[in-house]
Amino acid sequence: MEITKKDVELAAKLAKMRVSEEEVSIYQAQLEALFKWVAELAAVNTDSVKLTNVNHCAHIRPDEPFSDLSRAAKLRGAFDEEQAGCAKVKKVL
């Protein structure tokens, strides 16, 4: 996959990064190498490879509610303002 200068500039814009002309050429080469490597990996036939040592529950946690009203009040107290029982924070976007 060929990465163009325009692709790098768009990626930088989306990442909210400023990149110089020198950095654009560096990132362009690095991204081309990365995508070439991914294409090589995708070309490998893994149909006969069996999964081993797979833990299907490693990412699952029991969803148990936890309530500590004194801790919640202490955390809300660390903020400057409170609104409707919640800590009020600055707008992000």
N, C-alpha and C. Protein backbone atom coordinates (compact mmCIF):
# COMPACT_ATOMS: atom_id res chain seq x y z
N MET A 1 0.85 -1.17 0.00
CA MET A 1 0.00 0.00 0.00
C MET A 1 0.89 1.23 0.00
N GLU A 2 0.64 2.10 -0.94
CA GLU A 2 1.44 3.32 -1.03
C GLU A 2 0.83 4.41 -0.16
N ILE A 3 1.63 4.97 0.71
CA ILE A 3 1.21 6.07 1.57
C ILE A 3 1.71 7.36 0.93
N THR A 4 0.81 8.29 0.71
CA THR A 4 1.19 9.56 0.10
C THR A 4 1.43 10.62 1.17
N LYS A 5 2.02 11.71 0.74
CA LYS A 5 2.25 12.84 1.64
C LYS A 5 0.91 13.34 2.18
N LYS A 6 -0.10 13.34 1.30
CA LYS A 6 -1.43 13.79 1.70
C LYS A 6 -2.02 12.88 2.79
N ASP A 7 -1.77 11.56 2.70
CA ASP A 7 -2.24 10.61 3.72
C ASP A 7 -1.63 10.93 5.08
N VAL A 8 -0.32 11.21 5.07
CA VAL A 8 0.37 11.52 6.32
C VAL A 8 -0.15 12.82 6.91
N GLU A 9 -0.36 13.81 6.07
CA GLU A 9 -0.87 15.10 6.56
C GLU A 9 -2.28 14.94 7.13
N LEU A 10 -3.11 14.12 6.49
CA LEU A 10 -4.46 13.88 7.01
C LEU A 10 -4.41 13.16 8.35
N ALA A 11 -3.55 12.14 8.45
CA ALA A 11 -3.41 11.41 9.72
C ALA A 11 -2.93 12.35 10.82
N ALA A 12 -2.00 13.23 10.49
CA ALA A 12 -1.50 14.18 11.48
C ALA A 12 -2.62 15.13 11.90
N LYS A 13 -3.42 15.57 10.95
CA LYS A 13 -4.53 16.47 11.27
C LYS A 13 -5.53 15.79 12.19
N LEU A 14 -5.87 14.53 11.88
CA LEU A 14 -6.81 13.78 12.72
C LEU A 14 -6.27 13.55 14.12
N ALA A 15 -4.93 13.40 14.22
CA ALA A 15 -4.30 13.19 15.52
C ALA A 15 -3.99 14.52 16.21
N LYS A 16 -4.36 15.62 15.54
CA LYS A 16 -4.12 16.96 16.07
C LYS A 16 -2.63 17.18 16.33
N MET A 17 -1.84 16.79 15.34
CA MET A 17 -0.38 16.94 15.41
C MET A 17 0.08 17.91 14.34
N ARG A 18 1.09 18.67 14.63
CA ARG A 18 1.75 19.49 13.62
C ARG A 18 2.99 18.72 13.18
N VAL A 19 3.15 18.56 11.88
CA VAL A 19 4.32 17.86 11.36
C VAL A 19 5.02 18.73 10.33
N SER A 20 6.34 18.73 10.38
CA SER A 20 7.13 19.47 9.41
C SER A 20 7.26 18.64 8.13
N GLU A 21 7.78 19.26 7.07
CA GLU A 21 7.99 18.54 5.82
C GLU A 21 8.94 17.36 6.02
N GLU A 22 9.95 17.56 6.86
CA GLU A 22 10.91 16.49 7.14
C GLU A 22 10.23 15.33 7.86
N GLU A 23 9.37 15.66 8.82
CA GLU A 23 8.65 14.61 9.56
C GLU A 23 7.66 13.88 8.66
N VAL A 24 7.05 14.59 7.72
CA VAL A 24 6.11 13.95 6.80
C VAL A 24 6.82 12.84 6.03
N SER A 25 8.02 13.11 5.53
CA SER A 25 8.74 12.09 4.77
C SER A 25 9.17 10.92 5.66
N ILE A 26 9.54 11.22 6.91
CA ILE A 26 9.91 10.16 7.85
C ILE A 26 8.70 9.28 8.15
N TYR A 27 7.57 9.91 8.49
CA TYR A 27 6.36 9.15 8.82
C TYR A 27 5.83 8.38 7.60
N GLN A 28 5.98 8.96 6.42
CA GLN A 28 5.54 8.30 5.21
C GLN A 28 6.29 6.99 5.02
N ALA A 29 7.61 7.03 5.19
CA ALA A 29 8.41 5.81 5.05
C ALA A 29 8.07 4.79 6.13
N GLN A 30 7.88 5.26 7.35
CA GLN A 30 7.55 4.35 8.44
C GLN A 30 6.18 3.70 8.24
N LEU A 31 5.21 4.48 7.80
CA LEU A 31 3.87 3.92 7.58
C LEU A 31 3.86 2.94 6.42
N GLU A 32 4.60 3.25 5.36
CA GLU A 32 4.68 2.31 4.24
C GLU A 32 5.30 0.99 4.69
N ALA A 33 6.36 1.05 5.50
CA ALA A 33 6.99 -0.16 6.02
C ALA A 33 6.03 -0.94 6.91
N LEU A 34 5.28 -0.24 7.72
CA LEU A 34 4.32 -0.89 8.62
C LEU A 34 3.24 -1.61 7.82
N PHE A 35 2.65 -0.93 6.84
CA PHE A 35 1.59 -1.55 6.05
C PHE A 35 2.13 -2.70 5.20
N LYS A 36 3.37 -2.60 4.75
CA LYS A 36 3.98 -3.70 4.00
C LYS A 36 4.12 -4.93 4.90
N TRP A 37 4.55 -4.71 6.13
CA TRP A 37 4.71 -5.80 7.09
C TRP A 37 3.35 -6.44 7.41
N VAL A 38 2.32 -5.62 7.59
CA VAL A 38 0.98 -6.14 7.87
C VAL A 38 0.49 -6.97 6.68
N ALA A 39 0.76 -6.52 5.46
CA ALA A 39 0.36 -7.28 4.28
C ALA A 39 1.08 -8.63 4.23
N GLU A 40 2.36 -8.64 4.61
CA GLU A 40 3.10 -9.91 4.66
C GLU A 40 2.49 -10.86 5.68
N LEU A 41 2.12 -10.32 6.84
CA LEU A 41 1.49 -11.16 7.87
C LEU A 41 0.15 -11.69 7.40
N ALA A 42 -0.62 -10.86 6.72
CA ALA A 42 -1.94 -11.28 6.25
C ALA A 42 -1.83 -12.36 5.19
N ALA A 43 -0.72 -12.40 4.46
CA ALA A 43 -0.54 -13.38 3.39
C ALA A 43 -0.22 -14.78 3.92
N VAL A 44 0.17 -14.88 5.17
CA VAL A 44 0.54 -16.18 5.75
C VAL A 44 -0.73 -17.01 5.99
N ASN A 45 -0.71 -18.24 5.52
CA ASN A 45 -1.84 -19.15 5.70
C ASN A 45 -1.77 -19.76 7.11
N THR A 46 -2.75 -19.43 7.93
CA THR A 46 -2.79 -19.94 9.31
C THR A 46 -3.96 -20.88 9.53
N ASP A 47 -4.53 -21.42 8.45
CA ASP A 47 -5.70 -22.29 8.59
C ASP A 47 -5.42 -23.54 9.42
N SER A 48 -4.22 -24.10 9.31
CA SER A 48 -3.93 -25.34 10.02
C SER A 48 -3.33 -25.09 11.42
N VAL A 49 -3.20 -23.84 11.81
CA VAL A 49 -2.63 -23.53 13.13
C VAL A 49 -3.73 -23.60 14.17
N LYS A 50 -3.48 -24.38 15.22
CA LYS A 50 -4.46 -24.51 16.29
C LYS A 50 -4.10 -23.55 17.42
N LEU A 51 -5.12 -22.96 18.00
CA LEU A 51 -4.91 -22.06 19.13
C LEU A 51 -4.51 -22.87 20.36
N THR A 52 -3.56 -22.36 21.10
CA THR A 52 -3.15 -23.02 22.33
C THR A 52 -3.11 -22.00 23.46
N ASN A 53 -3.32 -22.46 24.65
CA ASN A 53 -3.21 -21.62 25.83
C ASN A 53 -4.08 -20.37 25.73
N VAL A 54 -5.34 -20.57 25.37
CA VAL A 54 -6.26 -19.45 25.23
C VAL A 54 -7.11 -19.37 26.49
N ASN A 55 -7.12 -18.22 27.11
CA ASN A 55 -7.92 -17.99 28.29
C ASN A 55 -9.09 -17.11 27.89
N HIS A 56 -10.24 -17.71 27.69
CA HIS A 56 -11.40 -16.96 27.22
C HIS A 56 -11.99 -16.05 28.29
N CYS A 57 -11.60 -16.20 29.51
CA CYS A 57 -12.18 -15.41 30.59
C CYS A 57 -11.24 -14.32 31.10
N ALA A 58 -10.11 -14.13 30.47
CA ALA A 58 -9.13 -13.18 30.97
C ALA A 58 -9.65 -11.75 30.97
N HIS A 59 -10.50 -11.41 30.02
CA HIS A 59 -10.98 -10.04 29.91
C HIS A 59 -12.35 -9.82 30.55
N ILE A 60 -12.92 -10.86 31.11
CA ILE A 60 -14.25 -10.75 31.69
C ILE A 60 -14.14 -10.59 33.20
N ARG A 61 -14.86 -9.64 33.72
CA ARG A 61 -14.89 -9.46 35.17
C ARG A 61 -16.35 -9.50 35.62
N PRO A 62 -16.58 -9.94 36.82
CA PRO A 62 -17.97 -9.92 37.28
C PRO A 62 -18.44 -8.48 37.44
N ASP A 63 -19.61 -8.18 36.96
CA ASP A 63 -20.14 -6.83 37.02
C ASP A 63 -20.98 -6.71 38.28
N GLU A 64 -20.31 -6.42 39.37
CA GLU A 64 -20.99 -6.31 40.65
C GLU A 64 -21.00 -4.85 41.07
N PRO A 65 -22.17 -4.31 41.35
CA PRO A 65 -22.23 -2.91 41.78
C PRO A 65 -21.53 -2.72 43.12
N PHE A 66 -20.89 -1.57 43.27
CA PHE A 66 -20.18 -1.24 44.50
C PHE A 66 -20.60 0.15 44.91
N SER A 67 -20.97 0.32 46.12
CA SER A 67 -21.43 1.62 46.57
C SER A 67 -20.77 1.98 47.90
N ASP A 68 -20.10 3.09 47.91
CA ASP A 68 -19.49 3.61 49.13
C ASP A 68 -19.81 5.10 49.16
N LEU A 69 -20.89 5.46 49.84
CA LEU A 69 -21.38 6.83 49.83
C LEU A 69 -20.39 7.83 50.41
N SER A 70 -19.65 7.43 51.43
CA SER A 70 -18.69 8.37 52.03
C SER A 70 -17.54 8.64 51.06
N ARG A 71 -17.09 7.61 50.36
CA ARG A 71 -16.03 7.80 49.36
C ARG A 71 -16.53 8.67 48.21
N ALA A 72 -17.76 8.44 47.77
CA ALA A 72 -18.34 9.24 46.68
C ALA A 72 -18.44 10.71 47.07
N ALA A 73 -18.86 10.97 48.30
CA ALA A 73 -18.96 12.35 48.77
C ALA A 73 -17.58 12.99 48.85
N LYS A 74 -16.59 12.24 49.28
CA LYS A 74 -15.22 12.76 49.37
C LYS A 74 -14.68 13.09 47.97
N LEU A 75 -14.95 12.22 47.00
CA LEU A 75 -14.50 12.48 45.64
C LEU A 75 -15.19 13.69 45.04
N ARG A 76 -16.51 13.83 45.26
CA ARG A 76 -17.21 15.01 44.76
C ARG A 76 -16.68 16.27 45.41
N GLY A 77 -16.28 16.18 46.65
CA GLY A 77 -15.73 17.34 47.37
C GLY A 77 -14.41 17.82 46.81
N ALA A 78 -13.72 16.98 46.07
CA ALA A 78 -12.44 17.36 45.49
C ALA A 78 -12.61 18.28 44.28
N PHE A 79 -13.83 18.37 43.75
CA PHE A 79 -14.11 19.22 42.60
C PHE A 79 -14.62 20.58 43.08
N ASP A 80 -14.45 21.58 42.23
CA ASP A 80 -14.86 22.94 42.59
C ASP A 80 -16.37 23.08 42.68
N GLU A 81 -17.10 22.42 41.77
CA GLU A 81 -18.55 22.57 41.74
C GLU A 81 -19.24 21.21 41.76
N GLU A 82 -20.48 21.25 42.24
CA GLU A 82 -21.30 20.05 42.25
C GLU A 82 -22.67 20.43 41.70
N GLN A 83 -23.24 19.52 40.91
CA GLN A 83 -24.55 19.78 40.32
C GLN A 83 -25.35 18.49 40.34
N ALA A 84 -26.49 18.53 40.96
CA ALA A 84 -27.41 17.38 41.05
C ALA A 84 -26.70 16.15 41.63
N GLY A 85 -25.86 16.35 42.64
CA GLY A 85 -25.20 15.24 43.30
C GLY A 85 -24.02 14.67 42.52
N CYS A 86 -23.60 15.36 41.46
CA CYS A 86 -22.48 14.90 40.64
C CYS A 86 -21.40 15.98 40.60
N ALA A 87 -20.16 15.56 40.44
CA ALA A 87 -19.06 16.51 40.29
C ALA A 87 -19.19 17.18 38.94
N LYS A 88 -19.09 18.51 38.90
CA LYS A 88 -19.18 19.24 37.65
C LYS A 88 -17.76 19.47 37.14
N VAL A 89 -17.54 19.10 35.89
CA VAL A 89 -16.21 19.25 35.28
C VAL A 89 -16.31 20.16 34.07
N LYS A 90 -15.14 20.58 33.58
CA LYS A 90 -15.10 21.45 32.40
C LYS A 90 -15.54 20.68 31.17
N LYS A 91 -16.11 21.41 30.22
CA LYS A 91 -16.52 20.82 28.96
C LYS A 91 -15.28 20.38 28.19
N VAL A 92 -15.30 19.17 27.65
CA VAL A 92 -14.13 18.62 26.97
C VAL A 92 -14.07 19.09 25.52
N LEU A 93 -15.16 19.06 24.82
CA LEU A 93 -15.16 19.45 23.41
C LEU A 93 -15.67 20.84 23.22
